[in-house]
Amino acid sequence: MVQILLGLLAVLLVYYLFYFIRDLVAERKNLGGGNWLIAGLIGLVTDAMDTLGIGSFAPTTMLLETTKQLDNDRQLPGTLNVSHTVPVIIEAFIFITVVKVAPLTLFSLVIAAIVGSYIGSKTVSKLPEKKVQFYMGIALIVTAALMALKQLGLLDLLGTGNHLTGLTGSKLIIGIIGNFILGALMTIGVGLYAPCMALVYMLGLSPLVAFPIMMASCAGLMPVAGTNFIKSGDYARKVSLGITIGGVIGVIIATRFVTGLNMNVLTWVVIVVVLYSGFTYIRKGMQAFAGNLKKN
């Protein structure tokens, strides 16, 4: 199953690179604005953060706006998807081959997220984005608190220790359903990383197991989205290539850091990431509520 998943990701990577390289060659005299060095540094930093589970889209958006790298705001969605596709696929390849995960668990949860995203694009996308983010933020903060209590040995209800590398029985079913829902929620801007970390931990898996699952889940989705933006030309070519190159370097550096961490330390890193994501979602949701109050 693992080999099938790696093969699928390899096919998606070749498919994506065919269109990306062809477009860059065809438009080599018109790569657009931006600075190679700045774009590369943005990629290095944001994809290193992505490898830690923080995510890359939000920090990339902030840095692109701060450094004025884009010719117009219309290029932002495409640039985010195109520039981070290759680094995310490399993240998936590395973590799948380095981190020990039960093949059935890895394959079923990743496929569940991909199917969830496809179905969610037709159904969940109609839900109010900011409200969902707000309530997801609350759920993540509560989950982070429970994770911290368990880590401190103050919550026996959740058991002790997270050393499992695979799920079976009812826990596997819960994991599949959970990642299916998270894949669907990605279509309205709820990132999969932090919720997936929380889900995996609460089901008793090692915190490191979350990394190949969440990376592969996103790696299965991004090549298709990125290719669509490439075909339409709605992305910044020079900036995207610079971020991609810097991002690959950032992924390699950060992966060595993550896989080398003591499990106790990594668990606290996961808790901090989940907590950070929770407050981020609440802030986004509160902005929407504040906007509605002003209208009224």
C-alpha atoms as a PDB file:
ATOM      1  CA  MET A   1       0.000   0.000   0.000  1.00  0.00           C
ATOM      2  CA  VAL A   2       2.839   2.379   0.828  1.00  0.00           C
ATOM      3  CA  GLN A   3       4.424   1.729  -2.563  1.00  0.00           C
ATOM      4  CA  ILE A   4       1.089   2.407  -4.263  1.00  0.00           C
ATOM      5  CA  LEU A   5       0.826   5.714  -2.401  1.00  0.00           C
ATOM      6  CA  LEU A   6       4.393   6.695  -3.295  1.00  0.00           C
ATOM      7  CA  GLY A   7       3.706   5.736  -6.905  1.00  0.00           C
ATOM      8  CA  LEU A   8       0.575   7.882  -6.946  1.00  0.00           C
ATOM      9  CA  LEU A   9       2.488  10.861  -5.565  1.00  0.00           C
ATOM     10  CA  ALA A  10       5.252  10.322  -8.126  1.00  0.00           C
ATOM     11  CA  VAL A  11       2.706  10.338 -10.960  1.00  0.00           C
ATOM     12  CA  LEU A  12       1.145  13.533  -9.607  1.00  0.00           C
ATOM     13  CA  LEU A  13       4.579  15.155  -9.319  1.00  0.00           C
ATOM     14  CA  VAL A  14       5.467  14.304 -12.941  1.00  0.00           C
ATOM     15  CA  TYR A  15       2.043  15.488 -14.094  1.00  0.00           C
ATOM     16  CA  TYR A  16       2.464  18.782 -12.250  1.00  0.00           C
ATOM     17  CA  LEU A  17       6.083  19.381 -13.316  1.00  0.00           C
ATOM     18  CA  PHE A  18       5.199  18.797 -16.968  1.00  0.00           C
ATOM     19  CA  TYR A  19       2.819  21.767 -16.981  1.00  0.00           C
ATOM     20  CA  PHE A  20       4.936  23.913 -14.635  1.00  0.00           C
ATOM     21  CA  ILE A  21       8.171  23.538 -16.616  1.00  0.00           C
ATOM     22  CA  ARG A  22       6.394  23.839 -19.970  1.00  0.00           C
ATOM     23  CA  ASP A  23       4.778  27.098 -18.875  1.00  0.00           C
ATOM     24  CA  LEU A  24       8.050  28.535 -17.505  1.00  0.00           C
ATOM     25  CA  VAL A  25       9.885  27.691 -20.731  1.00  0.00           C
ATOM     26  CA  ALA A  26       7.118  29.140 -22.908  1.00  0.00           C
ATOM     27  CA  GLU A  27       7.033  32.341 -20.823  1.00  0.00           C
ATOM     28  CA  ARG A  28      10.774  32.547 -20.044  1.00  0.00           C
ATOM     29  CA  LYS A  29      10.915  36.105 -21.377  1.00  0.00           C
ATOM     30  CA  ASN A  30       7.889  37.124 -19.331  1.00  0.00           C
ATOM     31  CA  LEU A  31       8.330  35.636 -15.852  1.00  0.00           C
ATOM     32  CA  GLY A  32       6.868  38.718 -14.205  1.00  0.00           C
ATOM     33  CA  GLY A  33       8.030  40.830 -11.295  1.00  0.00           C
ATOM     34  CA  GLY A  34       9.524  39.834  -7.985  1.00  0.00           C
ATOM     35  CA  ASN A  35      13.003  39.225  -6.620  1.00  0.00           C
ATOM     36  CA  TRP A  36      14.709  35.816  -6.878  1.00  0.00           C
ATOM     37  CA  LEU A  37      16.516  36.093  -3.529  1.00  0.00           C
ATOM     38  CA  ILE A  38      13.510  37.340  -1.562  1.00  0.00           C
ATOM     39  CA  ALA A  39      11.239  34.689  -3.078  1.00  0.00           C
ATOM     40  CA  GLY A  40      13.777  31.979  -2.282  1.00  0.00           C
ATOM     41  CA  LEU A  41      14.075  33.101   1.337  1.00  0.00           C
ATOM     42  CA  ILE A  42      10.278  33.205   1.657  1.00  0.00           C
ATOM     43  CA  GLY A  43      10.124  29.624   0.403  1.00  0.00           C
ATOM     44  CA  LEU A  44      12.884  28.453   2.728  1.00  0.00           C
ATOM     45  CA  VAL A  45      11.204  29.949   5.814  1.00  0.00           C
ATOM     46  CA  THR A  46       7.571  29.115   5.031  1.00  0.00           C
ATOM     47  CA  ASP A  47       8.136  25.536   3.887  1.00  0.00           C
ATOM     48  CA  ALA A  48      10.328  24.900   6.927  1.00  0.00           C
ATOM     49  CA  MET A  49       7.331  26.101   8.979  1.00  0.00           C
ATOM     50  CA  ASP A  50       5.086  23.869   6.884  1.00  0.00           C
ATOM     51  CA  THR A  51       7.283  20.871   7.685  1.00  0.00           C
ATOM     52  CA  LEU A  52       6.815  21.619  11.382  1.00  0.00           C
ATOM     53  CA  GLY A  53       3.038  21.500  10.857  1.00  0.00           C
ATOM     54  CA  ILE A  54       2.406  25.240  11.117  1.00  0.00           C
ATOM     55  CA  GLY A  55       1.383  25.552   7.478  1.00  0.00           C
ATOM     56  CA  SER A  56       2.813  27.664   4.681  1.00  0.00           C
ATOM     57  CA  PHE A  57      -0.066  29.614   3.120  1.00  0.00           C
ATOM     58  CA  ALA A  58      -0.646  32.166   5.899  1.00  0.00           C
ATOM     59  CA  PRO A  59       3.033  33.118   6.445  1.00  0.00           C
ATOM     60  CA  THR A  60       3.644  33.182   2.677  1.00  0.00           C
ATOM     61  CA  THR A  61       0.698  35.529   2.193  1.00  0.00           C
ATOM     62  CA  MET A  62       2.027  37.848   4.898  1.00  0.00           C
ATOM     63  CA  LEU A  63       5.584  37.854   3.522  1.00  0.00           C
ATOM     64  CA  LEU A  64       4.483  38.359  -0.091  1.00  0.00           C
ATOM     65  CA  GLU A  65       2.371  41.336   0.930  1.00  0.00           C
ATOM     66  CA  THR A  66       5.123  42.781   3.132  1.00  0.00           C
ATOM     67  CA  THR A  67       7.819  42.502   0.454  1.00  0.00           C
ATOM     68  CA  LYS A  68       5.498  43.522  -2.433  1.00  0.00           C
ATOM     69  CA  GLN A  69       6.462  40.565  -4.608  1.00  0.00           C
ATOM     70  CA  LEU A  70       3.235  40.220  -6.589  1.00  0.00           C
ATOM     71  CA  ASP A  71       2.156  42.393  -9.508  1.00  0.00           C
ATOM     72  CA  ASN A  72      -1.490  42.196  -8.348  1.00  0.00           C
ATOM     73  CA  ASP A  73      -3.576  40.476  -5.659  1.00  0.00           C
ATOM     74  CA  ARG A  74      -5.279  38.256  -8.239  1.00  0.00           C
ATOM     75  CA  GLN A  75      -2.040  36.247  -8.472  1.00  0.00           C
ATOM     76  CA  LEU A  76      -2.030  35.316  -4.759  1.00  0.00           C
ATOM     77  CA  PRO A  77      -4.155  32.110  -4.731  1.00  0.00           C
ATOM     78  CA  GLY A  78      -2.353  30.678  -7.737  1.00  0.00           C
ATOM     79  CA  THR A  79       1.094  31.613  -6.418  1.00  0.00           C
ATOM     80  CA  LEU A  80       0.379  29.951  -3.061  1.00  0.00           C
ATOM     81  CA  ASN A  81      -0.713  26.686  -4.680  1.00  0.00           C
ATOM     82  CA  VAL A  82       1.926  26.590  -7.414  1.00  0.00           C
ATOM     83  CA  SER A  83       4.901  27.592  -5.274  1.00  0.00           C
ATOM     84  CA  HIS A  84       4.277  25.075  -2.471  1.00  0.00           C
ATOM     85  CA  THR A  85       3.240  22.014  -4.486  1.00  0.00           C
ATOM     86  CA  VAL A  86       6.717  20.558  -5.040  1.00  0.00           C
ATOM     87  CA  PRO A  87       7.927  21.168  -1.446  1.00  0.00           C
ATOM     88  CA  VAL A  88       4.787  19.513  -0.020  1.00  0.00           C
ATOM     89  CA  ILE A  89       5.195  16.456  -2.256  1.00  0.00           C
ATOM     90  CA  ILE A  90       8.835  16.190  -1.156  1.00  0.00           C
ATOM     91  CA  GLU A  91       7.703  16.476   2.476  1.00  0.00           C
ATOM     92  CA  ALA A  92       5.338  13.578   1.868  1.00  0.00           C
ATOM     93  CA  PHE A  93       8.022  11.443   0.185  1.00  0.00           C
ATOM     94  CA  ILE A  94      10.513  12.012   3.011  1.00  0.00           C
ATOM     95  CA  PHE A  95       8.136  11.421   5.916  1.00  0.00           C
ATOM     96  CA  ILE A  96       6.508   8.370   4.308  1.00  0.00           C
ATOM     97  CA  THR A  97       9.894   6.716   3.807  1.00  0.00           C
ATOM     98  CA  VAL A  98      11.462   7.826   7.112  1.00  0.00           C
ATOM     99  CA  VAL A  99       8.580   7.535   9.593  1.00  0.00           C
ATOM    100  CA  LYS A 100       7.203   4.095  10.398  1.00  0.00           C
ATOM    101  CA  VAL A 101       3.427   4.002   9.889  1.00  0.00           C
ATOM    102  CA  ALA A 102       1.168   0.975   9.462  1.00  0.00           C
ATOM    103  CA  PRO A 103       0.470   0.830   5.688  1.00  0.00           C
ATOM    104  CA  LEU A 104      -3.302   0.399   6.057  1.00  0.00           C
ATOM    105  CA  THR A 105      -3.540   3.390   8.415  1.00  0.00           C
ATOM    106  CA  LEU A 106      -1.450   5.644   6.188  1.00  0.00           C
ATOM    107  CA  PHE A 107      -3.160   4.660   2.931  1.00  0.00           C
ATOM    108  CA  SER A 108      -6.747   4.740   4.226  1.00  0.00           C
ATOM    109  CA  LEU A 109      -6.446   8.100   6.035  1.00  0.00           C
ATOM    110  CA  VAL A 110      -4.742   9.781   3.074  1.00  0.00           C
ATOM    111  CA  ILE A 111      -7.302   8.481   0.581  1.00  0.00           C
ATOM    112  CA  ALA A 112     -10.088   9.542   2.969  1.00  0.00           C
ATOM    113  CA  ALA A 113      -8.765  13.127   2.985  1.00  0.00           C
ATOM    114  CA  ILE A 114      -8.484  13.211  -0.814  1.00  0.00           C
ATOM    115  CA  VAL A 115     -12.026  11.856  -1.282  1.00  0.00           C
ATOM    116  CA  GLY A 116     -13.277  14.249   1.399  1.00  0.00           C
ATOM    117  CA  SER A 117     -11.743  17.197  -0.420  1.00  0.00           C
ATOM    118  CA  TYR A 118     -13.364  16.167  -3.707  1.00  0.00           C
ATOM    119  CA  ILE A 119     -16.795  15.757  -2.145  1.00  0.00           C
ATOM    120  CA  GLY A 120     -16.325  18.846   0.009  1.00  0.00           C
ATOM    121  CA  SER A 121     -15.676  21.006  -3.044  1.00  0.00           C
ATOM    122  CA  LYS A 122     -19.231  20.241  -4.129  1.00  0.00           C
ATOM    123  CA  THR A 123     -20.972  20.343  -0.730  1.00  0.00           C
ATOM    124  CA  VAL A 124     -19.023  21.728   2.252  1.00  0.00           C
ATOM    125  CA  SER A 125     -17.845  24.739   0.237  1.00  0.00           C
ATOM    126  CA  LYS A 126     -21.334  26.188   0.735  1.00  0.00           C
ATOM    127  CA  LEU A 127     -20.860  26.432   4.524  1.00  0.00           C
ATOM    128  CA  PRO A 128     -19.992  29.812   6.122  1.00  0.00           C
ATOM    129  CA  GLU A 129     -16.184  29.742   6.090  1.00  0.00           C
ATOM    130  CA  LYS A 130     -15.486  32.066   9.013  1.00  0.00           C
ATOM    131  CA  LYS A 131     -18.008  30.459  11.362  1.00  0.00           C
ATOM    132  CA  VAL A 132     -16.551  27.026  10.707  1.00  0.00           C
ATOM    133  CA  GLN A 133     -13.036  28.380  11.318  1.00  0.00           C
ATOM    134  CA  PHE A 134     -14.183  29.966  14.588  1.00  0.00           C
ATOM    135  CA  TYR A 135     -15.669  26.761  15.981  1.00  0.00           C
ATOM    136  CA  MET A 136     -12.736  24.714  14.690  1.00  0.00           C
ATOM    137  CA  GLY A 137     -10.463  27.117  16.580  1.00  0.00           C
ATOM    138  CA  ILE A 138     -12.340  26.485  19.825  1.00  0.00           C
ATOM    139  CA  ALA A 139     -12.173  22.718  19.229  1.00  0.00           C
ATOM    140  CA  LEU A 140      -8.416  22.884  18.611  1.00  0.00           C
ATOM    141  CA  ILE A 141      -7.759  24.870  21.792  1.00  0.00           C
ATOM    142  CA  VAL A 142      -9.796  22.401  23.869  1.00  0.00           C
ATOM    143  CA  THR A 143      -7.950  19.529  22.204  1.00  0.00           C
ATOM    144  CA  ALA A 144      -4.562  21.156  22.853  1.00  0.00           C
ATOM    145  CA  ALA A 145      -5.514  21.515  26.532  1.00  0.00           C
ATOM    146  CA  LEU A 146      -6.469  17.826  26.725  1.00  0.00           C
ATOM    147  CA  MET A 147      -3.242  16.858  24.979  1.00  0.00           C
ATOM    148  CA  ALA A 148      -1.234  18.907  27.468  1.00  0.00           C
ATOM    149  CA  LEU A 149      -3.047  17.349  30.434  1.00  0.00           C
ATOM    150  CA  LYS A 150      -2.395  13.880  29.057  1.00  0.00           C
ATOM    151  CA  GLN A 151       1.253  14.717  28.460  1.00  0.00           C
ATOM    152  CA  LEU A 152       1.552  15.891  32.067  1.00  0.00           C
ATOM    153  CA  GLY A 153      -0.067  12.681  33.312  1.00  0.00           C
ATOM    154  CA  LEU A 154      -3.117  14.517  34.669  1.00  0.00           C
ATOM    155  CA  LEU A 155      -5.712  12.922  32.398  1.00  0.00           C
ATOM    156  CA  ASP A 156      -5.860   9.138  32.725  1.00  0.00           C
ATOM    157  CA  LEU A 157      -9.037   8.959  30.647  1.00  0.00           C
ATOM    158  CA  LEU A 158      -6.994   9.202  27.450  1.00  0.00           C
ATOM    159  CA  GLY A 159      -4.544   6.529  28.499  1.00  0.00           C
ATOM    160  CA  THR A 160      -0.801   6.900  28.782  1.00  0.00           C
ATOM    161  CA  GLY A 161       1.849   7.162  26.132  1.00  0.00           C
ATOM    162  CA  ASN A 162       1.541   7.624  22.393  1.00  0.00           C
ATOM    163  CA  HIS A 163       3.704   5.004  20.759  1.00  0.00           C
ATOM    164  CA  LEU A 164       1.361   3.317  18.269  1.00  0.00           C
ATOM    165  CA  THR A 165       2.178   3.459  14.566  1.00  0.00           C
ATOM    166  CA  GLY A 166      -1.151   2.161  13.291  1.00  0.00           C
ATOM    167  CA  LEU A 167      -4.874   2.029  13.980  1.00  0.00           C
ATOM    168  CA  THR A 168      -7.191  -0.977  14.031  1.00  0.00           C
ATOM    169  CA  GLY A 169     -10.881  -1.647  14.508  1.00  0.00           C
ATOM    170  CA  SER A 170     -13.088   1.219  15.637  1.00  0.00           C
ATOM    171  CA  LYS A 171     -10.145   3.611  15.985  1.00  0.00           C
ATOM    172  CA  LEU A 172      -9.241   3.088  12.326  1.00  0.00           C
ATOM    173  CA  ILE A 173     -12.831   3.815  11.325  1.00  0.00           C
ATOM    174  CA  ILE A 174     -12.837   6.983  13.461  1.00  0.00           C
ATOM    175  CA  GLY A 175      -9.540   8.025  11.871  1.00  0.00           C
ATOM    176  CA  ILE A 176     -10.881   7.503   8.348  1.00  0.00           C
ATOM    177  CA  ILE A 177     -14.073   9.436   9.062  1.00  0.00           C
ATOM    178  CA  GLY A 178     -12.124  12.176  10.832  1.00  0.00           C
ATOM    179  CA  ASN A 179      -9.633  12.699   8.011  1.00  0.00           C
ATOM    180  CA  PHE A 180     -12.461  12.558   5.461  1.00  0.00           C
ATOM    181  CA  ILE A 181     -14.122  15.470   7.288  1.00  0.00           C
ATOM    182  CA  LEU A 182     -10.825  17.370   7.537  1.00  0.00           C
ATOM    183  CA  GLY A 183     -10.261  16.891   3.811  1.00  0.00           C
ATOM    184  CA  ALA A 184     -13.722  18.302   3.135  1.00  0.00           C
ATOM    185  CA  LEU A 185     -13.119  21.290   5.424  1.00  0.00           C
ATOM    186  CA  MET A 186      -9.949  22.168   3.498  1.00  0.00           C
ATOM    187  CA  THR A 187     -12.199  23.437   0.700  1.00  0.00           C
ATOM    188  CA  ILE A 188     -13.365  26.318   2.915  1.00  0.00           C
ATOM    189  CA  GLY A 189      -9.991  27.328   4.276  1.00  0.00           C
ATOM    190  CA  VAL A 190      -9.640  25.101   7.335  1.00  0.00           C
ATOM    191  CA  GLY A 191      -6.122  23.722   7.155  1.00  0.00           C
ATOM    192  CA  LEU A 192      -5.675  19.982   7.636  1.00  0.00           C
ATOM    193  CA  TYR A 193      -2.344  19.995   9.488  1.00  0.00           C
ATOM    194  CA  ALA A 194      -3.229  21.002  13.052  1.00  0.00           C
ATOM    195  CA  PRO A 195      -6.579  19.140  13.214  1.00  0.00           C
ATOM    196  CA  CYS A 196      -4.877  16.029  11.803  1.00  0.00           C
ATOM    197  CA  MET A 197      -2.156  16.279  14.448  1.00  0.00           C
ATOM    198  CA  ALA A 198      -4.819  16.483  17.145  1.00  0.00           C
ATOM    199  CA  LEU A 199      -6.847  13.608  15.668  1.00  0.00           C
ATOM    200  CA  VAL A 200      -3.849  11.294  15.401  1.00  0.00           C
ATOM    201  CA  TYR A 201      -2.698  12.087  18.933  1.00  0.00           C
ATOM    202  CA  MET A 202      -6.133  11.618  20.489  1.00  0.00           C
ATOM    203  CA  LEU A 203      -6.406   8.204  18.807  1.00  0.00           C
ATOM    204  CA  GLY A 204      -3.218   7.139  20.582  1.00  0.00           C
ATOM    205  CA  LEU A 205      -0.734   7.294  17.708  1.00  0.00           C
ATOM    206  CA  SER A 206       2.790   8.633  18.014  1.00  0.00           C
ATOM    207  CA  PRO A 207       2.812  12.383  17.276  1.00  0.00           C
ATOM    208  CA  LEU A 208       5.375  11.771  14.530  1.00  0.00           C
ATOM    209  CA  VAL A 209       2.857   9.567  12.675  1.00  0.00           C
ATOM    210  CA  ALA A 210       0.748  12.662  11.939  1.00  0.00           C
ATOM    211  CA  PHE A 211       3.443  14.083   9.661  1.00  0.00           C
ATOM    212  CA  PRO A 212       3.364  11.538   6.794  1.00  0.00           C
ATOM    213  CA  ILE A 213      -0.437  11.364   7.022  1.00  0.00           C
ATOM    214  CA  MET A 214      -1.023  15.107   6.800  1.00  0.00           C
ATOM    215  CA  MET A 215       1.761  15.745   4.273  1.00  0.00           C
ATOM    216  CA  ALA A 216       0.578  12.969   1.951  1.00  0.00           C
ATOM    217  CA  SER A 217      -3.036  14.123   2.291  1.00  0.00           C
ATOM    218  CA  CYS A 218      -2.157  17.601   1.045  1.00  0.00           C
ATOM    219  CA  ALA A 219       0.346  16.294  -1.507  1.00  0.00           C
ATOM    220  CA  GLY A 220      -2.483  14.351  -3.114  1.00  0.00           C
ATOM    221  CA  LEU A 221      -4.552  17.519  -3.525  1.00  0.00           C
ATOM    222  CA  MET A 222      -2.164  20.335  -4.414  1.00  0.00           C
ATOM    223  CA  PRO A 223      -0.796  19.166  -7.815  1.00  0.00           C
ATOM    224  CA  VAL A 224      -4.258  19.284  -9.372  1.00  0.00           C
ATOM    225  CA  ALA A 225      -5.055  22.712  -7.919  1.00  0.00           C
ATOM    226  CA  GLY A 226      -1.620  24.048  -8.864  1.00  0.00           C
ATOM    227  CA  THR A 227      -1.889  22.761 -12.431  1.00  0.00           C
ATOM    228  CA  ASN A 228      -5.230  24.505 -12.880  1.00  0.00           C
ATOM    229  CA  PHE A 229      -3.641  27.836 -11.927  1.00  0.00           C
ATOM    230  CA  ILE A 230      -0.711  27.176 -14.261  1.00  0.00           C
ATOM    231  CA  LYS A 231      -3.061  26.505 -17.174  1.00  0.00           C
ATOM    232  CA  SER A 232      -4.955  29.748 -16.506  1.00  0.00           C
ATOM    233  CA  GLY A 233      -1.720  31.732 -15.994  1.00  0.00           C
ATOM    234  CA  ASP A 234      -3.030  33.267 -12.768  1.00  0.00           C
ATOM    235  CA  TYR A 235       0.196  33.076 -10.775  1.00  0.00           C
ATOM    236  CA  ALA A 236       3.517  34.914 -10.437  1.00  0.00           C
ATOM    237  CA  ARG A 237       6.026  32.788 -12.356  1.00  0.00           C
ATOM    238  CA  LYS A 238       9.341  34.148 -11.060  1.00  0.00           C
ATOM    239  CA  VAL A 239       8.117  34.319  -7.458  1.00  0.00           C
ATOM    240  CA  SER A 240       6.624  30.819  -7.596  1.00  0.00           C
ATOM    241  CA  LEU A 241       9.829  29.294  -8.966  1.00  0.00           C
ATOM    242  CA  GLY A 242      11.922  31.124  -6.361  1.00  0.00           C
ATOM    243  CA  ILE A 243       9.680  29.955  -3.505  1.00  0.00           C
ATOM    244  CA  THR A 244       9.721  26.403  -4.856  1.00  0.00           C
ATOM    245  CA  ILE A 245      13.532  26.255  -4.918  1.00  0.00           C
ATOM    246  CA  GLY A 246      13.907  27.828  -1.477  1.00  0.00           C
ATOM    247  CA  GLY A 247      11.054  25.687  -0.168  1.00  0.00           C
ATOM    248  CA  VAL A 248      12.736  22.426  -1.129  1.00  0.00           C
ATOM    249  CA  ILE A 249      15.823  23.459   0.838  1.00  0.00           C
ATOM    250  CA  GLY A 250      13.669  24.491   3.807  1.00  0.00           C
ATOM    251  CA  VAL A 251      11.863  21.136   3.789  1.00  0.00           C
ATOM    252  CA  ILE A 252      15.094  19.136   3.825  1.00  0.00           C
ATOM    253  CA  ILE A 253      16.501  21.165   6.741  1.00  0.00           C
ATOM    254  CA  ALA A 254      13.284  21.083   8.793  1.00  0.00           C
ATOM    255  CA  THR A 255      12.671  17.370   8.185  1.00  0.00           C
ATOM    256  CA  ARG A 256      16.007  16.487   9.749  1.00  0.00           C
ATOM    257  CA  PHE A 257      15.051  18.641  12.747  1.00  0.00           C
ATOM    258  CA  VAL A 258      11.597  17.061  13.215  1.00  0.00           C
ATOM    259  CA  THR A 259      12.689  13.441  12.810  1.00  0.00           C
ATOM    260  CA  GLY A 260      15.591  13.993  15.179  1.00  0.00           C
ATOM    261  CA  LEU A 261      13.468  15.329  18.041  1.00  0.00           C
ATOM    262  CA  ASN A 262      12.802  13.382  21.195  1.00  0.00           C
ATOM    263  CA  MET A 263       9.141  12.201  21.194  1.00  0.00           C
ATOM    264  CA  ASN A 264       8.383  14.093  24.389  1.00  0.00           C
ATOM    265  CA  VAL A 265       9.716  17.323  22.886  1.00  0.00           C
ATOM    266  CA  LEU A 266       7.910  16.669  19.585  1.00  0.00           C
ATOM    267  CA  THR A 267       4.633  16.173  21.456  1.00  0.00           C
ATOM    268  CA  TRP A 268       4.956  19.608  23.011  1.00  0.00           C
ATOM    269  CA  VAL A 269       5.792  21.068  19.598  1.00  0.00           C
ATOM    270  CA  VAL A 270       2.573  19.520  18.265  1.00  0.00           C
ATOM    271  CA  ILE A 271       0.592  20.931  21.201  1.00  0.00           C
ATOM    272  CA  VAL A 272       1.980  24.427  20.541  1.00  0.00           C
ATOM    273  CA  VAL A 273       1.150  24.151  16.820  1.00  0.00           C
ATOM    274  CA  VAL A 274      -2.411  23.002  17.553  1.00  0.00           C
ATOM    275  CA  LEU A 275      -2.855  25.814  20.085  1.00  0.00           C
ATOM    276  CA  TYR A 276      -1.452  28.414  17.690  1.00  0.00           C
ATOM    277  CA  SER A 277      -3.742  27.205  14.907  1.00  0.00           C
ATOM    278  CA  GLY A 278      -6.727  27.310  17.244  1.00  0.00           C
ATOM    279  CA  PHE A 279      -6.180  30.956  18.177  1.00  0.00           C
ATOM    280  CA  THR A 280      -5.540  31.797  14.509  1.00  0.00           C
ATOM    281  CA  TYR A 281      -8.885  30.327  13.452  1.00  0.00           C
ATOM    282  CA  ILE A 282     -10.716  32.084  16.280  1.00  0.00           C
ATOM    283  CA  ARG A 283      -9.165  35.399  15.268  1.00  0.00           C
ATOM    284  CA  LYS A 284     -10.303  34.902  11.671  1.00  0.00           C
ATOM    285  CA  GLY A 285     -13.790  33.985  12.818  1.00  0.00           C
ATOM    286  CA  MET A 286     -14.015  36.970  15.187  1.00  0.00           C
ATOM    287  CA  GLN A 287     -13.092  39.303  12.345  1.00  0.00           C
ATOM    288  CA  ALA A 288     -16.081  38.018  10.402  1.00  0.00           C
ATOM    289  CA  PHE A 289     -18.394  38.406  13.412  1.00  0.00           C
ATOM    290  CA  ALA A 290     -17.108  41.955  13.967  1.00  0.00           C
ATOM    291  CA  GLY A 291     -17.766  42.757  10.328  1.00  0.00           C
ATOM    292  CA  ASN A 292     -21.336  41.503  10.628  1.00  0.00           C
ATOM    293  CA  LEU A 293     -21.928  43.620  13.747  1.00  0.00           C
ATOM    294  CA  LYS A 294     -20.730  46.753  11.928  1.00  0.00           C
ATOM    295  CA  LYS A 295     -23.131  46.048   9.071  1.00  0.00           C
ATOM    296  CA  ASN A 296     -25.997  45.731  11.524  1.00  0.00           C
END
